[in-house]
Amino acid sequence: MNIKSIQNLVSDAMNEIKTVNADEAYQMIKDNNCNLIDIREITELESTGRVNGASHIPRGMLEV
């Protein structure tokens, strides 16, 4: 069995994920050209507030 190193796993993931900077993300939101998902836990949302227009899906739910 071939076990990948952390570096290889991250490298593989980065090849599959498109990253955008804050300006690009803001423009995508303005153009209604993305789905914004807030992955923080509910306690974080309660203490720091919600992101307008974002769907809340806690990270733990995404990992199931």
PDB file of N, CA and C in Angstrom:
ATOM      1  N   MET A   1       0.841  -1.176   0.000  1.00  0.00           N
ATOM      2  CA  MET A   1       0.000   0.000   0.000  1.00  0.00           C
ATOM      3  C   MET A   1       0.886   1.240   0.000  1.00  0.00           C
ATOM      4  N   ASN A   2       0.599   2.160  -0.905  1.00  0.00           N
ATOM      5  CA  ASN A   2       1.387   3.382  -1.019  1.00  0.00           C
ATOM      6  C   ASN A   2       0.763   4.479  -0.164  1.00  0.00           C
ATOM      7  N   ILE A   3       1.466   4.927   0.867  1.00  0.00           N
ATOM      8  CA  ILE A   3       0.975   5.985   1.745  1.00  0.00           C
ATOM      9  C   ILE A   3       1.644   7.288   1.338  1.00  0.00           C
ATOM     10  N   LYS A   4       0.817   8.286   1.017  1.00  0.00           N
ATOM     11  CA  LYS A   4       1.338   9.584   0.588  1.00  0.00           C
ATOM     12  C   LYS A   4       1.727  10.435   1.792  1.00  0.00           C
ATOM     13  N   SER A   5       2.738  11.245   1.599  1.00  0.00           N
ATOM     14  CA  SER A   5       3.139  12.175   2.644  1.00  0.00           C
ATOM     15  C   SER A   5       2.147  13.339   2.689  1.00  0.00           C
ATOM     16  N   ILE A   6       2.179  14.067   3.762  1.00  0.00           N
ATOM     17  CA  ILE A   6       1.332  15.255   3.901  1.00  0.00           C
ATOM     18  C   ILE A   6       1.590  16.220   2.751  1.00  0.00           C
ATOM     19  N   GLN A   7       2.845  16.422   2.411  1.00  0.00           N
ATOM     20  CA  GLN A   7       3.200  17.335   1.330  1.00  0.00           C
ATOM     21  C   GLN A   7       2.581  16.887   0.006  1.00  0.00           C
ATOM     22  N   ASN A   8       2.609  15.586  -0.261  1.00  0.00           N
ATOM     23  CA  ASN A   8       2.013  15.067  -1.496  1.00  0.00           C
ATOM     24  C   ASN A   8       0.499  15.216  -1.487  1.00  0.00           C
ATOM     25  N   LEU A   9      -0.135  14.988  -0.346  1.00  0.00           N
ATOM     26  CA  LEU A   9      -1.584  15.156  -0.247  1.00  0.00           C
ATOM     27  C   LEU A   9      -1.981  16.604  -0.495  1.00  0.00           C
ATOM     28  N   VAL A  10      -1.244  17.536   0.109  1.00  0.00           N
ATOM     29  CA  VAL A  10      -1.530  18.959  -0.080  1.00  0.00           C
ATOM     30  C   VAL A  10      -1.289  19.350  -1.530  1.00  0.00           C
ATOM     31  N   SER A  11      -0.215  18.883  -2.104  1.00  0.00           N
ATOM     32  CA  SER A  11       0.095  19.181  -3.500  1.00  0.00           C
ATOM     33  C   SER A  11      -1.005  18.669  -4.427  1.00  0.00           C
ATOM     34  N   ASP A  12      -1.471  17.455  -4.198  1.00  0.00           N
ATOM     35  CA  ASP A  12      -2.551  16.890  -5.001  1.00  0.00           C
ATOM     36  C   ASP A  12      -3.827  17.722  -4.864  1.00  0.00           C
ATOM     37  N   ALA A  13      -4.136  18.110  -3.633  1.00  0.00           N
ATOM     38  CA  ALA A  13      -5.335  18.918  -3.396  1.00  0.00           C
ATOM     39  C   ALA A  13      -5.225  20.271  -4.091  1.00  0.00           C
ATOM     40  N   MET A  14      -4.065  20.899  -4.020  1.00  0.00           N
ATOM     41  CA  MET A  14      -3.893  22.221  -4.639  1.00  0.00           C
ATOM     42  C   MET A  14      -4.034  22.154  -6.157  1.00  0.00           C
ATOM     43  N   ASN A  15      -3.745  21.004  -6.744  1.00  0.00           N
ATOM     44  CA  ASN A  15      -3.930  20.837  -8.184  1.00  0.00           C
ATOM     45  C   ASN A  15      -5.409  20.752  -8.557  1.00  0.00           C
ATOM     46  N   GLU A  16      -6.260  20.434  -7.596  1.00  0.00           N
ATOM     47  CA  GLU A  16      -7.693  20.283  -7.839  1.00  0.00           C
ATOM     48  C   GLU A  16      -8.495  21.520  -7.436  1.00  0.00           C
ATOM     49  N   ILE A  17      -7.903  22.387  -6.632  1.00  0.00           N
ATOM     50  CA  ILE A  17      -8.629  23.522  -6.057  1.00  0.00           C
ATOM     51  C   ILE A  17      -8.198  24.816  -6.736  1.00  0.00           C
ATOM     52  N   LYS A  18      -9.191  25.609  -7.134  1.00  0.00           N
ATOM     53  CA  LYS A  18      -8.886  26.931  -7.671  1.00  0.00           C
ATOM     54  C   LYS A  18      -8.939  27.924  -6.511  1.00  0.00           C
ATOM     55  N   THR A  19      -7.858  28.634  -6.294  1.00  0.00           N
ATOM     56  CA  THR A  19      -7.841  29.643  -5.249  1.00  0.00           C
ATOM     57  C   THR A  19      -8.057  31.013  -5.873  1.00  0.00           C
ATOM     58  N   VAL A  20      -8.717  31.880  -5.119  1.00  0.00           N
ATOM     59  CA  VAL A  20      -8.947  33.251  -5.571  1.00  0.00           C
ATOM     60  C   VAL A  20      -8.567  34.190  -4.439  1.00  0.00           C
ATOM     61  N   ASN A  21      -8.165  35.401  -4.809  1.00  0.00           N
ATOM     62  CA  ASN A  21      -7.837  36.379  -3.775  1.00  0.00           C
ATOM     63  C   ASN A  21      -9.125  37.089  -3.342  1.00  0.00           C
ATOM     64  N   ALA A  22      -9.023  37.949  -2.352  1.00  0.00           N
ATOM     65  CA  ALA A  22     -10.203  38.615  -1.797  1.00  0.00           C
ATOM     66  C   ALA A  22     -10.922  39.462  -2.844  1.00  0.00           C
ATOM     67  N   ASP A  23     -10.182  40.158  -3.690  1.00  0.00           N
ATOM     68  CA  ASP A  23     -10.815  40.992  -4.717  1.00  0.00           C
ATOM     69  C   ASP A  23     -11.601  40.143  -5.719  1.00  0.00           C
ATOM     70  N   GLU A  24     -11.022  39.019  -6.117  1.00  0.00           N
ATOM     71  CA  GLU A  24     -11.712  38.121  -7.046  1.00  0.00           C
ATOM     72  C   GLU A  24     -12.969  37.540  -6.397  1.00  0.00           C
ATOM     73  N   ALA A  25     -12.855  37.155  -5.140  1.00  0.00           N
ATOM     74  CA  ALA A  25     -14.010  36.599  -4.429  1.00  0.00           C
ATOM     75  C   ALA A  25     -15.115  37.643  -4.313  1.00  0.00           C
ATOM     76  N   TYR A  26     -14.751  38.873  -3.984  1.00  0.00           N
ATOM     77  CA  TYR A  26     -15.739  39.952  -3.866  1.00  0.00           C
ATOM     78  C   TYR A  26     -16.461  40.167  -5.191  1.00  0.00           C
ATOM     79  N   GLN A  27     -15.728  40.156  -6.283  1.00  0.00           N
ATOM     80  CA  GLN A  27     -16.340  40.343  -7.596  1.00  0.00           C
ATOM     81  C   GLN A  27     -17.265  39.172  -7.936  1.00  0.00           C
ATOM     82  N   MET A  28     -16.852  37.975  -7.606  1.00  0.00           N
ATOM     83  CA  MET A  28     -17.691  36.804  -7.856  1.00  0.00           C
ATOM     84  C   MET A  28     -19.003  36.895  -7.076  1.00  0.00           C
ATOM     85  N   ILE A  29     -18.928  37.381  -5.842  1.00  0.00           N
ATOM     86  CA  ILE A  29     -20.133  37.551  -5.025  1.00  0.00           C
ATOM     87  C   ILE A  29     -21.024  38.626  -5.636  1.00  0.00           C
ATOM     88  N   LYS A  30     -20.421  39.748  -6.028  1.00  0.00           N
ATOM     89  CA  LYS A  30     -21.202  40.832  -6.653  1.00  0.00           C
ATOM     90  C   LYS A  30     -21.891  40.357  -7.916  1.00  0.00           C
ATOM     91  N   ASP A  31     -21.227  39.530  -8.705  1.00  0.00           N
ATOM     92  CA  ASP A  31     -21.770  39.031  -9.965  1.00  0.00           C
ATOM     93  C   ASP A  31     -22.703  37.832  -9.769  1.00  0.00           C
ATOM     94  N   ASN A  32     -22.902  37.444  -8.510  1.00  0.00           N
ATOM     95  CA  ASN A  32     -23.721  36.270  -8.193  1.00  0.00           C
ATOM     96  C   ASN A  32     -23.210  35.049  -8.956  1.00  0.00           C
ATOM     97  N   ASN A  33     -21.880  34.892  -8.944  1.00  0.00           N
ATOM     98  CA  ASN A  33     -21.216  33.856  -9.721  1.00  0.00           C
ATOM     99  C   ASN A  33     -20.521  32.823  -8.833  1.00  0.00           C
ATOM    100  N   CYS A  34     -21.033  32.657  -7.618  1.00  0.00           N
ATOM    101  CA  CYS A  34     -20.431  31.671  -6.734  1.00  0.00           C
ATOM    102  C   CYS A  34     -21.403  31.310  -5.623  1.00  0.00           C
ATOM    103  N   ASN A  35     -21.102  30.243  -4.935  1.00  0.00           N
ATOM    104  CA  ASN A  35     -21.816  29.852  -3.721  1.00  0.00           C
ATOM    105  C   ASN A  35     -20.855  30.069  -2.569  1.00  0.00           C
ATOM    106  N   LEU A  36     -21.208  30.958  -1.674  1.00  0.00           N
ATOM    107  CA  LEU A  36     -20.354  31.265  -0.540  1.00  0.00           C
ATOM    108  C   LEU A  36     -20.787  30.389   0.633  1.00  0.00           C
ATOM    109  N   ILE A  37     -19.859  29.598   1.145  1.00  0.00           N
ATOM    110  CA  ILE A  37     -20.148  28.676   2.237  1.00  0.00           C
ATOM    111  C   ILE A  37     -19.270  29.026   3.430  1.00  0.00           C
ATOM    112  N   ASP A  38     -19.914  29.290   4.556  1.00  0.00           N
ATOM    113  CA  ASP A  38     -19.211  29.601   5.802  1.00  0.00           C
ATOM    114  C   ASP A  38     -19.070  28.295   6.577  1.00  0.00           C
ATOM    115  N   ILE A  39     -17.846  27.831   6.773  1.00  0.00           N
ATOM    116  CA  ILE A  39     -17.616  26.530   7.398  1.00  0.00           C
ATOM    117  C   ILE A  39     -17.288  26.634   8.893  1.00  0.00           C
ATOM    118  N   ARG A  40     -17.426  27.826   9.445  1.00  0.00           N
ATOM    119  CA  ARG A  40     -17.133  27.963  10.876  1.00  0.00           C
ATOM    120  C   ARG A  40     -18.193  27.257  11.715  1.00  0.00           C
ATOM    121  N   GLU A  41     -17.816  26.896  12.930  1.00  0.00           N
ATOM    122  CA  GLU A  41     -18.758  26.264  13.852  1.00  0.00           C
ATOM    123  C   GLU A  41     -19.746  27.314  14.358  1.00  0.00           C
ATOM    124  N   ILE A  42     -20.899  26.863  14.839  1.00  0.00           N
ATOM    125  CA  ILE A  42     -21.965  27.764  15.261  1.00  0.00           C
ATOM    126  C   ILE A  42     -21.499  28.708  16.374  1.00  0.00           C
ATOM    127  N   THR A  43     -20.621  28.233  17.249  1.00  0.00           N
ATOM    128  CA  THR A  43     -20.126  29.099  18.325  1.00  0.00           C
ATOM    129  C   THR A  43     -19.325  30.266  17.764  1.00  0.00           C
ATOM    130  N   GLU A  44     -18.594  30.028  16.685  1.00  0.00           N
ATOM    131  CA  GLU A  44     -17.847  31.109  16.037  1.00  0.00           C
ATOM    132  C   GLU A  44     -18.801  32.114  15.404  1.00  0.00           C
ATOM    133  N   LEU A  45     -19.854  31.621  14.766  1.00  0.00           N
ATOM    134  CA  LEU A  45     -20.830  32.517  14.156  1.00  0.00           C
ATOM    135  C   LEU A  45     -21.492  33.392  15.217  1.00  0.00           C
ATOM    136  N   GLU A  46     -21.817  32.781  16.345  1.00  0.00           N
ATOM    137  CA  GLU A  46     -22.471  33.529  17.418  1.00  0.00           C
ATOM    138  C   GLU A  46     -21.563  34.598  17.997  1.00  0.00           C
ATOM    139  N   SER A  47     -20.266  34.352  18.044  1.00  0.00           N
ATOM    140  CA  SER A  47     -19.354  35.316  18.661  1.00  0.00           C
ATOM    141  C   SER A  47     -18.822  36.354  17.673  1.00  0.00           C
ATOM    142  N   THR A  48     -18.755  36.003  16.383  1.00  0.00           N
ATOM    143  CA  THR A  48     -18.159  36.945  15.421  1.00  0.00           C
ATOM    144  C   THR A  48     -19.124  37.431  14.348  1.00  0.00           C
ATOM    145  N   GLY A  49     -20.312  36.843  14.278  1.00  0.00           N
ATOM    146  CA  GLY A  49     -21.295  37.260  13.283  1.00  0.00           C
ATOM    147  C   GLY A  49     -21.255  36.405  12.033  1.00  0.00           C
ATOM    148  N   ARG A  50     -22.280  36.570  11.236  1.00  0.00           N
ATOM    149  CA  ARG A  50     -22.431  35.780  10.017  1.00  0.00           C
ATOM    150  C   ARG A  50     -21.989  36.570   8.798  1.00  0.00           C
ATOM    151  N   VAL A  51     -21.702  35.859   7.727  1.00  0.00           N
ATOM    152  CA  VAL A  51     -21.357  36.476   6.451  1.00  0.00           C
ATOM    153  C   VAL A  51     -22.649  36.599   5.651  1.00  0.00           C
ATOM    154  N   ASN A  52     -23.002  37.829   5.259  1.00  0.00           N
ATOM    155  CA  ASN A  52     -24.224  38.042   4.493  1.00  0.00           C
ATOM    156  C   ASN A  52     -24.212  37.235   3.206  1.00  0.00           C
ATOM    157  N   GLY A  53     -25.291  36.511   2.967  1.00  0.00           N
ATOM    158  CA  GLY A  53     -25.425  35.753   1.735  1.00  0.00           C
ATOM    159  C   GLY A  53     -24.751  34.398   1.732  1.00  0.00           C
ATOM    160  N   ALA A  54     -24.076  34.052   2.821  1.00  0.00           N
ATOM    161  CA  ALA A  54     -23.371  32.770   2.877  1.00  0.00           C
ATOM    162  C   ALA A  54     -24.280  31.678   3.417  1.00  0.00           C
ATOM    163  N   SER A  55     -24.095  30.482   2.907  1.00  0.00           N
ATOM    164  CA  SER A  55     -24.740  29.308   3.482  1.00  0.00           C
ATOM    165  C   SER A  55     -23.836  28.797   4.592  1.00  0.00           C
ATOM    166  N   HIS A  56     -24.445  28.396   5.704  1.00  0.00           N
ATOM    167  CA  HIS A  56     -23.643  27.883   6.812  1.00  0.00           C
ATOM    168  C   HIS A  56     -23.656  26.366   6.779  1.00  0.00           C
ATOM    169  N   ILE A  57     -22.486  25.782   6.544  1.00  0.00           N
ATOM    170  CA  ILE A  57     -22.305  24.325   6.607  1.00  0.00           C
ATOM    171  C   ILE A  57     -21.038  24.100   7.424  1.00  0.00           C
ATOM    172  N   PRO A  58     -21.177  23.732   8.705  1.00  0.00           N
ATOM    173  CA  PRO A  58     -19.985  23.542   9.538  1.00  0.00           C
ATOM    174  C   PRO A  58     -19.012  22.547   8.914  1.00  0.00           C
ATOM    175  N   ARG A  59     -17.752  22.802   9.111  1.00  0.00           N
ATOM    176  CA  ARG A  59     -16.703  21.966   8.525  1.00  0.00           C
ATOM    177  C   ARG A  59     -16.902  20.499   8.868  1.00  0.00           C
ATOM    178  N   GLY A  60     -17.291  20.211  10.092  1.00  0.00           N
ATOM    179  CA  GLY A  60     -17.495  18.833  10.504  1.00  0.00           C
ATOM    180  C   GLY A  60     -18.542  18.122   9.665  1.00  0.00           C
ATOM    181  N   MET A  61     -19.539  18.850   9.182  1.00  0.00           N
ATOM    182  CA  MET A  61     -20.573  18.250   8.333  1.00  0.00           C
ATOM    183  C   MET A  61     -20.016  17.947   6.943  1.00  0.00           C
ATOM    184  N   LEU A  62     -19.107  18.775   6.464  1.00  0.00           N
ATOM    185  CA  LEU A  62     -18.518  18.548   5.137  1.00  0.00           C
ATOM    186  C   LEU A  62     -17.613  17.325   5.135  1.00  0.00           C
ATOM    187  N   GLU A  63     -17.032  17.019   6.263  1.00  0.00           N
ATOM    188  CA  GLU A  63     -16.059  15.932   6.356  1.00  0.00           C
ATOM    189  C   GLU A  63     -16.716  14.575   6.557  1.00  0.00           C
ATOM    190  N   VAL A  64     -18.017  14.553   6.771  1.00  0.00           N
ATOM    191  CA  VAL A  64     -18.716  13.284   7.014  1.00  0.00           C
ATOM    192  C   VAL A  64     -18.856  12.509   5.739  1.00  0.00           C
TER     193      VAL A  64
END
